Amino acid sequence: MPTVDAEMVTVPLVLRNVRSKTVTLVLEPWGEEHSLEPGSEIRLVFSGPPGDSPLVEWSEDCVTAYGWSGSTFRLFRDGIEL
C-alpha cells in the first residue's frame, strides 16, 4: 500500500513471473535491466514527490516499470536489495 507524506510518496510493487520463460524487467528512466526467471519474484519500492505513481507495461518478453519525475527505486530479490 502506498504511503504518503507532504514531501514523499512510497509505492511498493511486487512483480512475479508466472510464465514458463524468463522475461526482462526494464526500469525506466534509469535504463536498468534485470532477468525475471519463471516463478521468481521481484519487489520494487518507488519513492518520489506526490502527484504521480509508477506505470507498468507488459509485452511478450518484457516488463517495463516507469518511475515518475523525481522518483527513485529500490529493488529486492529474495529479500536482498540489489
PDB file of N, CA and C in Angstrom:
ATOM      1  N   MET A   1       0.841  -1.166   0.000  1.00  0.00           N
ATOM      2  CA  MET A   1       0.000   0.000   0.000  1.00  0.00           C
ATOM      3  C   MET A   1       0.896   1.242   0.000  1.00  0.00           C
ATOM      4  N   PRO A   2       0.568   2.246  -0.816  1.00  0.00           N
ATOM      5  CA  PRO A   2       1.371   3.469  -0.843  1.00  0.00           C
ATOM      6  C   PRO A   2       1.323   4.197   0.491  1.00  0.00           C
ATOM      7  N   THR A   3       2.434   4.840   0.834  1.00  0.00           N
ATOM      8  CA  THR A   3       2.451   5.741   1.976  1.00  0.00           C
ATOM      9  C   THR A   3       2.746   7.132   1.445  1.00  0.00           C
ATOM     10  N   VAL A   4       2.133   8.128   2.078  1.00  0.00           N
ATOM     11  CA  VAL A   4       2.242   9.499   1.585  1.00  0.00           C
ATOM     12  C   VAL A   4       2.509  10.423   2.759  1.00  0.00           C
ATOM     13  N   ASP A   5       3.463  11.346   2.583  1.00  0.00           N
ATOM     14  CA  ASP A   5       3.565  12.486   3.477  1.00  0.00           C
ATOM     15  C   ASP A   5       3.623  13.724   2.588  1.00  0.00           C
ATOM     16  N   ALA A   6       3.814  14.864   3.160  1.00  0.00           N
ATOM     17  CA  ALA A   6       3.753  16.109   2.381  1.00  0.00           C
ATOM     18  C   ALA A   6       4.839  16.191   1.320  1.00  0.00           C
ATOM     19  N   GLU A   7       5.951  15.482   1.506  1.00  0.00           N
ATOM     20  CA  GLU A   7       7.074  15.614   0.592  1.00  0.00           C
ATOM     21  C   GLU A   7       7.400  14.352  -0.200  1.00  0.00           C
ATOM     22  N   MET A   8       6.880  13.188   0.195  1.00  0.00           N
ATOM     23  CA  MET A   8       7.315  11.940  -0.420  1.00  0.00           C
ATOM     24  C   MET A   8       6.187  10.899  -0.444  1.00  0.00           C
ATOM     25  N   VAL A   9       6.115  10.176  -1.552  1.00  0.00           N
ATOM     26  CA  VAL A   9       5.196   9.045  -1.698  1.00  0.00           C
ATOM     27  C   VAL A   9       6.061   7.794  -1.847  1.00  0.00           C
ATOM     28  N   THR A  10       5.699   6.728  -1.156  1.00  0.00           N
ATOM     29  CA  THR A  10       6.394   5.445  -1.300  1.00  0.00           C
ATOM     30  C   THR A  10       5.388   4.426  -1.808  1.00  0.00           C
ATOM     31  N   VAL A  11       5.725   3.760  -2.939  1.00  0.00           N
ATOM     32  CA  VAL A  11       4.815   2.810  -3.573  1.00  0.00           C
ATOM     33  C   VAL A  11       5.537   1.472  -3.746  1.00  0.00           C
ATOM     34  N   PRO A  12       5.145   0.432  -2.976  1.00  0.00           N
ATOM     35  CA  PRO A  12       5.724  -0.894  -3.188  1.00  0.00           C
ATOM     36  C   PRO A  12       5.005  -1.604  -4.331  1.00  0.00           C
ATOM     37  N   LEU A  13       5.749  -2.414  -5.070  1.00  0.00           N
ATOM     38  CA  LEU A  13       5.193  -3.130  -6.209  1.00  0.00           C
ATOM     39  C   LEU A  13       5.892  -4.479  -6.305  1.00  0.00           C
ATOM     40  N   VAL A  14       5.131  -5.566  -6.317  1.00  0.00           N
ATOM     41  CA  VAL A  14       5.696  -6.911  -6.455  1.00  0.00           C
ATOM     42  C   VAL A  14       5.390  -7.421  -7.851  1.00  0.00           C
ATOM     43  N   LEU A  15       6.435  -7.901  -8.543  1.00  0.00           N
ATOM     44  CA  LEU A  15       6.291  -8.480  -9.878  1.00  0.00           C
ATOM     45  C   LEU A  15       6.675  -9.950  -9.791  1.00  0.00           C
ATOM     46  N   ARG A  16       5.768 -10.835 -10.192  1.00  0.00           N
ATOM     47  CA  ARG A  16       6.020 -12.277 -10.172  1.00  0.00           C
ATOM     48  C   ARG A  16       5.870 -12.808 -11.588  1.00  0.00           C
ATOM     49  N   ASN A  17       6.854 -13.578 -12.030  1.00  0.00           N
ATOM     50  CA  ASN A  17       6.801 -14.175 -13.363  1.00  0.00           C
ATOM     51  C   ASN A  17       6.104 -15.528 -13.275  1.00  0.00           C
ATOM     52  N   VAL A  18       4.878 -15.609 -13.763  1.00  0.00           N
ATOM     53  CA  VAL A  18       4.129 -16.863 -13.758  1.00  0.00           C
ATOM     54  C   VAL A  18       4.225 -17.571 -15.108  1.00  0.00           C
ATOM     55  N   ARG A  19       5.006 -17.016 -16.011  1.00  0.00           N
ATOM     56  CA  ARG A  19       5.198 -17.637 -17.323  1.00  0.00           C
ATOM     57  C   ARG A  19       6.238 -18.747 -17.235  1.00  0.00           C
ATOM     58  N   SER A  20       6.334 -19.526 -18.293  1.00  0.00           N
ATOM     59  CA  SER A  20       7.286 -20.637 -18.327  1.00  0.00           C
ATOM     60  C   SER A  20       8.639 -20.233 -18.902  1.00  0.00           C
ATOM     61  N   LYS A  21       8.818 -18.944 -19.202  1.00  0.00           N
ATOM     62  CA  LYS A  21      10.093 -18.476 -19.733  1.00  0.00           C
ATOM     63  C   LYS A  21      10.535 -17.212 -19.008  1.00  0.00           C
ATOM     64  N   THR A  22      11.832 -16.939 -19.077  1.00  0.00           N
ATOM     65  CA  THR A  22      12.398 -15.748 -18.461  1.00  0.00           C
ATOM     66  C   THR A  22      11.939 -14.507 -19.224  1.00  0.00           C
ATOM     67  N   VAL A  23      11.584 -13.471 -18.474  1.00  0.00           N
ATOM     68  CA  VAL A  23      11.264 -12.181 -19.071  1.00  0.00           C
ATOM     69  C   VAL A  23      12.255 -11.149 -18.541  1.00  0.00           C
ATOM     70  N   THR A  24      12.402 -10.068 -19.271  1.00  0.00           N
ATOM     71  CA  THR A  24      13.304  -8.995 -18.877  1.00  0.00           C
ATOM     72  C   THR A  24      12.511  -7.902 -18.186  1.00  0.00           C
ATOM     73  N   LEU A  25      13.000  -7.477 -17.027  1.00  0.00           N
ATOM     74  CA  LEU A  25      12.433  -6.322 -16.333  1.00  0.00           C
ATOM     75  C   LEU A  25      13.306  -5.122 -16.678  1.00  0.00           C
ATOM     76  N   VAL A  26      12.694  -4.078 -17.241  1.00  0.00           N
ATOM     77  CA  VAL A  26      13.401  -2.846 -17.574  1.00  0.00           C
ATOM     78  C   VAL A  26      12.862  -1.750 -16.664  1.00  0.00           C
ATOM     79  N   LEU A  27      13.769  -1.028 -16.019  1.00  0.00           N
ATOM     80  CA  LEU A  27      13.385   0.067 -15.134  1.00  0.00           C
ATOM     81  C   LEU A  27      13.748   1.387 -15.806  1.00  0.00           C
ATOM     82  N   GLU A  28      12.730   2.174 -16.085  1.00  0.00           N
ATOM     83  CA  GLU A  28      12.913   3.454 -16.770  1.00  0.00           C
ATOM     84  C   GLU A  28      12.508   4.600 -15.849  1.00  0.00           C
ATOM     85  N   PRO A  29      13.163   5.702 -15.926  1.00  0.00           N
ATOM     86  CA  PRO A  29      14.100   6.160 -16.948  1.00  0.00           C
ATOM     87  C   PRO A  29      15.557   5.807 -16.676  1.00  0.00           C
ATOM     88  N   TRP A  30      15.817   4.880 -15.768  1.00  0.00           N
ATOM     89  CA  TRP A  30      17.193   4.557 -15.370  1.00  0.00           C
ATOM     90  C   TRP A  30      17.900   3.635 -16.358  1.00  0.00           C
ATOM     91  N   GLY A  31      17.152   2.915 -17.189  1.00  0.00           N
ATOM     92  CA  GLY A  31      17.747   2.027 -18.184  1.00  0.00           C
ATOM     93  C   GLY A  31      18.321   0.750 -17.611  1.00  0.00           C
ATOM     94  N   GLU A  32      17.944   0.376 -16.404  1.00  0.00           N
ATOM     95  CA  GLU A  32      18.427  -0.870 -15.801  1.00  0.00           C
ATOM     96  C   GLU A  32      17.612  -2.045 -16.314  1.00  0.00           C
ATOM     97  N   GLU A  33      18.278  -3.191 -16.495  1.00  0.00           N
ATOM     98  CA  GLU A  33      17.601  -4.415 -16.905  1.00  0.00           C
ATOM     99  C   GLU A  33      17.941  -5.538 -15.932  1.00  0.00           C
ATOM    100  N   HIS A  34      16.928  -6.352 -15.622  1.00  0.00           N
ATOM    101  CA  HIS A  34      17.086  -7.497 -14.734  1.00  0.00           C
ATOM    102  C   HIS A  34      16.296  -8.660 -15.307  1.00  0.00           C
ATOM    103  N   SER A  35      16.812  -9.870 -15.146  1.00  0.00           N
ATOM    104  CA  SER A  35      16.091 -11.071 -15.588  1.00  0.00           C
ATOM    105  C   SER A  35      15.099 -11.491 -14.523  1.00  0.00           C
ATOM    106  N   LEU A  36      13.937 -11.901 -14.971  1.00  0.00           N
ATOM    107  CA  LEU A  36      12.896 -12.407 -14.089  1.00  0.00           C
ATOM    108  C   LEU A  36      12.581 -13.827 -14.546  1.00  0.00           C
ATOM    109  N   GLU A  37      13.216 -14.797 -13.867  1.00  0.00           N
ATOM    110  CA  GLU A  37      13.091 -16.204 -14.256  1.00  0.00           C
ATOM    111  C   GLU A  37      11.694 -16.729 -13.917  1.00  0.00           C
ATOM    112  N   PRO A  38      11.287 -17.826 -14.562  1.00  0.00           N
ATOM    113  CA  PRO A  38       9.976 -18.412 -14.256  1.00  0.00           C
ATOM    114  C   PRO A  38       9.832 -18.685 -12.755  1.00  0.00           C
ATOM    115  N   GLY A  39       8.727 -18.272 -12.195  1.00  0.00           N
ATOM    116  CA  GLY A  39       8.444 -18.492 -10.781  1.00  0.00           C
ATOM    117  C   GLY A  39       9.122 -17.512  -9.839  1.00  0.00           C
ATOM    118  N   SER A  40       9.978 -16.630 -10.356  1.00  0.00           N
ATOM    119  CA  SER A  40      10.683 -15.697  -9.471  1.00  0.00           C
ATOM    120  C   SER A  40       9.854 -14.437  -9.244  1.00  0.00           C
ATOM    121  N   GLU A  41      10.275 -13.701  -8.221  1.00  0.00           N
ATOM    122  CA  GLU A  41       9.540 -12.524  -7.798  1.00  0.00           C
ATOM    123  C   GLU A  41      10.533 -11.409  -7.469  1.00  0.00           C
ATOM    124  N   ILE A  42      10.193 -10.198  -7.861  1.00  0.00           N
ATOM    125  CA  ILE A  42      10.982  -9.011  -7.543  1.00  0.00           C
ATOM    126  C   ILE A  42      10.061  -8.013  -6.868  1.00  0.00           C
ATOM    127  N   ARG A  43      10.579  -7.383  -5.828  1.00  0.00           N
ATOM    128  CA  ARG A  43       9.826  -6.318  -5.134  1.00  0.00           C
ATOM    129  C   ARG A  43      10.508  -4.995  -5.445  1.00  0.00           C
ATOM    130  N   LEU A  44       9.747  -4.063  -5.971  1.00  0.00           N
ATOM    131  CA  LEU A  44      10.223  -2.711  -6.237  1.00  0.00           C
ATOM    132  C   LEU A  44       9.583  -1.777  -5.223  1.00  0.00           C
ATOM    133  N   VAL A  45      10.350  -0.835  -4.720  1.00  0.00           N
ATOM    134  CA  VAL A  45       9.808   0.189  -3.840  1.00  0.00           C
ATOM    135  C   VAL A  45      10.197   1.535  -4.442  1.00  0.00           C
ATOM    136  N   PHE A  46       9.213   2.206  -5.007  1.00  0.00           N
ATOM    137  CA  PHE A  46       9.417   3.527  -5.602  1.00  0.00           C
ATOM    138  C   PHE A  46       9.174   4.596  -4.542  1.00  0.00           C
ATOM    139  N   SER A  47       9.958   5.667  -4.589  1.00  0.00           N
ATOM    140  CA  SER A  47       9.762   6.823  -3.713  1.00  0.00           C
ATOM    141  C   SER A  47       9.929   8.078  -4.554  1.00  0.00           C
ATOM    142  N   GLY A  48       9.099   9.072  -4.282  1.00  0.00           N
ATOM    143  CA  GLY A  48       9.209  10.312  -5.034  1.00  0.00           C
ATOM    144  C   GLY A  48       8.188  11.320  -4.586  1.00  0.00           C
ATOM    145  N   PRO A  49       8.167  12.460  -5.261  1.00  0.00           N
ATOM    146  CA  PRO A  49       7.227  13.515  -4.885  1.00  0.00           C
ATOM    147  C   PRO A  49       5.781  13.084  -5.152  1.00  0.00           C
ATOM    148  N   PRO A  50       4.856  13.560  -4.318  1.00  0.00           N
ATOM    149  CA  PRO A  50       3.448  13.221  -4.525  1.00  0.00           C
ATOM    150  C   PRO A  50       2.925  13.765  -5.848  1.00  0.00           C
ATOM    151  N   GLY A  51       1.850  13.158  -6.319  1.00  0.00           N
ATOM    152  CA  GLY A  51       1.191  13.640  -7.524  1.00  0.00           C
ATOM    153  C   GLY A  51       1.305  12.695  -8.697  1.00  0.00           C
ATOM    154  N   ASP A  52       2.103  11.636  -8.573  1.00  0.00           N
ATOM    155  CA  ASP A  52       2.232  10.672  -9.654  1.00  0.00           C
ATOM    156  C   ASP A  52       2.526   9.299  -9.062  1.00  0.00           C
ATOM    157  N   SER A  53       2.680   8.311  -9.905  1.00  0.00           N
ATOM    158  CA  SER A  53       2.924   6.944  -9.443  1.00  0.00           C
ATOM    159  C   SER A  53       3.617   6.162 -10.558  1.00  0.00           C
ATOM    160  N   PRO A  54       4.120   4.952 -10.238  1.00  0.00           N
ATOM    161  CA  PRO A  54       4.762   4.150 -11.283  1.00  0.00           C
ATOM    162  C   PRO A  54       3.754   3.654 -12.313  1.00  0.00           C
ATOM    163  N   LEU A  55       4.273   3.332 -13.483  1.00  0.00           N
ATOM    164  CA  LEU A  55       3.485   2.756 -14.568  1.00  0.00           C
ATOM    165  C   LEU A  55       4.177   1.469 -14.977  1.00  0.00           C
ATOM    166  N   VAL A  56       3.407   0.392 -15.194  1.00  0.00           N
ATOM    167  CA  VAL A  56       3.974  -0.888 -15.618  1.00  0.00           C
ATOM    168  C   VAL A  56       3.347  -1.288 -16.944  1.00  0.00           C
ATOM    169  N   GLU A  57       4.221  -1.648 -17.910  1.00  0.00           N
ATOM    170  CA  GLU A  57       3.771  -2.136 -19.217  1.00  0.00           C
ATOM    171  C   GLU A  57       4.311  -3.551 -19.415  1.00  0.00           C
ATOM    172  N   TRP A  58       3.432  -4.445 -19.883  1.00  0.00           N
ATOM    173  CA  TRP A  58       3.805  -5.831 -20.167  1.00  0.00           C
ATOM    174  C   TRP A  58       3.819  -6.045 -21.671  1.00  0.00           C
ATOM    175  N   SER A  59       4.840  -6.733 -22.160  1.00  0.00           N
ATOM    176  CA  SER A  59       4.863  -7.180 -23.547  1.00  0.00           C
ATOM    177  C   SER A  59       5.207  -8.668 -23.532  1.00  0.00           C
ATOM    178  N   GLU A  60       5.410  -9.262 -24.666  1.00  0.00           N
ATOM    179  CA  GLU A  60       5.640 -10.704 -24.756  1.00  0.00           C
ATOM    180  C   GLU A  60       6.833 -11.173 -23.919  1.00  0.00           C
ATOM    181  N   ASP A  61       7.976 -10.483 -24.023  1.00  0.00           N
ATOM    182  CA  ASP A  61       9.209 -10.926 -23.354  1.00  0.00           C
ATOM    183  C   ASP A  61       9.719  -9.938 -22.325  1.00  0.00           C
ATOM    184  N   CYS A  62       8.948  -8.882 -22.039  1.00  0.00           N
ATOM    185  CA  CYS A  62       9.493  -7.787 -21.246  1.00  0.00           C
ATOM    186  C   CYS A  62       8.417  -7.151 -20.364  1.00  0.00           C
ATOM    187  N   VAL A  63       8.847  -6.732 -19.182  1.00  0.00           N
ATOM    188  CA  VAL A  63       8.032  -5.908 -18.295  1.00  0.00           C
ATOM    189  C   VAL A  63       8.810  -4.617 -18.102  1.00  0.00           C
ATOM    190  N   THR A  64       8.177  -3.484 -18.357  1.00  0.00           N
ATOM    191  CA  THR A  64       8.840  -2.204 -18.170  1.00  0.00           C
ATOM    192  C   THR A  64       8.117  -1.441 -17.074  1.00  0.00           C
ATOM    193  N   ALA A  65       8.871  -1.053 -16.039  1.00  0.00           N
ATOM    194  CA  ALA A  65       8.325  -0.254 -14.944  1.00  0.00           C
ATOM    195  C   ALA A  65       8.923   1.144 -15.051  1.00  0.00           C
ATOM    196  N   TYR A  66       8.062   2.135 -15.118  1.00  0.00           N
ATOM    197  CA  TYR A  66       8.476   3.527 -15.263  1.00  0.00           C
ATOM    198  C   TYR A  66       8.295   4.259 -13.938  1.00  0.00           C
ATOM    199  N   GLY A  67       9.351   4.913 -13.487  1.00  0.00           N
ATOM    200  CA  GLY A  67       9.221   5.828 -12.371  1.00  0.00           C
ATOM    201  C   GLY A  67       8.676   7.152 -12.874  1.00  0.00           C
ATOM    202  N   TRP A  68       8.425   8.069 -11.986  1.00  0.00           N
ATOM    203  CA  TRP A  68       7.930   9.378 -12.375  1.00  0.00           C
ATOM    204  C   TRP A  68       8.997  10.433 -12.058  1.00  0.00           C
ATOM    205  N   SER A  69       8.786  11.617 -12.528  1.00  0.00           N
ATOM    206  CA  SER A  69       9.768  12.690 -12.375  1.00  0.00           C
ATOM    207  C   SER A  69      10.129  12.887 -10.901  1.00  0.00           C
ATOM    208  N   GLY A  70      11.420  12.805 -10.609  1.00  0.00           N
ATOM    209  CA  GLY A  70      11.906  12.990  -9.242  1.00  0.00           C
ATOM    210  C   GLY A  70      11.895  11.736  -8.400  1.00  0.00           C
ATOM    211  N   SER A  71      11.458  10.604  -8.962  1.00  0.00           N
ATOM    212  CA  SER A  71      11.368   9.371  -8.172  1.00  0.00           C
ATOM    213  C   SER A  71      12.675   8.581  -8.214  1.00  0.00           C
ATOM    214  N   THR A  72      12.820   7.686  -7.236  1.00  0.00           N
ATOM    215  CA  THR A  72      13.907   6.712  -7.167  1.00  0.00           C
ATOM    216  C   THR A  72      13.276   5.365  -6.878  1.00  0.00           C
ATOM    217  N   PHE A  73      14.087   4.298  -6.911  1.00  0.00           N
ATOM    218  CA  PHE A  73      13.546   2.993  -6.582  1.00  0.00           C
ATOM    219  C   PHE A  73      14.584   2.169  -5.839  1.00  0.00           C
ATOM    220  N   ARG A  74      14.098   1.160  -5.130  1.00  0.00           N
ATOM    221  CA  ARG A  74      14.922   0.111  -4.531  1.00  0.00           C
ATOM    222  C   ARG A  74      14.362  -1.198  -5.046  1.00  0.00           C
ATOM    223  N   LEU A  75      15.239  -2.151  -5.356  1.00  0.00           N
ATOM    224  CA  LEU A  75      14.824  -3.420  -5.940  1.00  0.00           C
ATOM    225  C   LEU A  75      15.309  -4.558  -5.041  1.00  0.00           C
ATOM    226  N   PHE A  76      14.410  -5.493  -4.718  1.00  0.00           N
ATOM    227  CA  PHE A  76      14.723  -6.615  -3.850  1.00  0.00           C
ATOM    228  C   PHE A  76      14.398  -7.934  -4.544  1.00  0.00           C
ATOM    229  N   ARG A  77      15.303  -8.901  -4.435  1.00  0.00           N
ATOM    230  CA  ARG A  77      15.058 -10.261  -4.919  1.00  0.00           C
ATOM    231  C   ARG A  77      15.356 -11.187  -3.748  1.00  0.00           C
ATOM    232  N   ASP A  78      14.388 -12.026  -3.389  1.00  0.00           N
ATOM    233  CA  ASP A  78      14.530 -12.932  -2.248  1.00  0.00           C
ATOM    234  C   ASP A  78      14.898 -12.165  -0.977  1.00  0.00           C
ATOM    235  N   GLY A  79      14.325 -10.972  -0.816  1.00  0.00           N
ATOM    236  CA  GLY A  79      14.554 -10.171   0.375  1.00  0.00           C
ATOM    237  C   GLY A  79      15.883  -9.425   0.415  1.00  0.00           C
ATOM    238  N   ILE A  80      16.703  -9.587  -0.630  1.00  0.00           N
ATOM    239  CA  ILE A  80      18.011  -8.938  -0.674  1.00  0.00           C
ATOM    240  C   ILE A  80      17.961  -7.788  -1.673  1.00  0.00           C
ATOM    241  N   GLU A  81      18.407  -6.609  -1.218  1.00  0.00           N
ATOM    242  CA  GLU A  81      18.406  -5.453  -2.103  1.00  0.00           C
ATOM    243  C   GLU A  81      19.511  -5.593  -3.135  1.00  0.00           C
ATOM    244  N   LEU A  82      19.153  -5.396  -4.406  1.00  0.00           N
ATOM    245  CA  LEU A  82      20.136  -5.462  -5.491  1.00  0.00           C
ATOM    246  C   LEU A  82      20.648  -4.076  -5.826  1.00  0.00           C
TER     247      LEU A  82
END
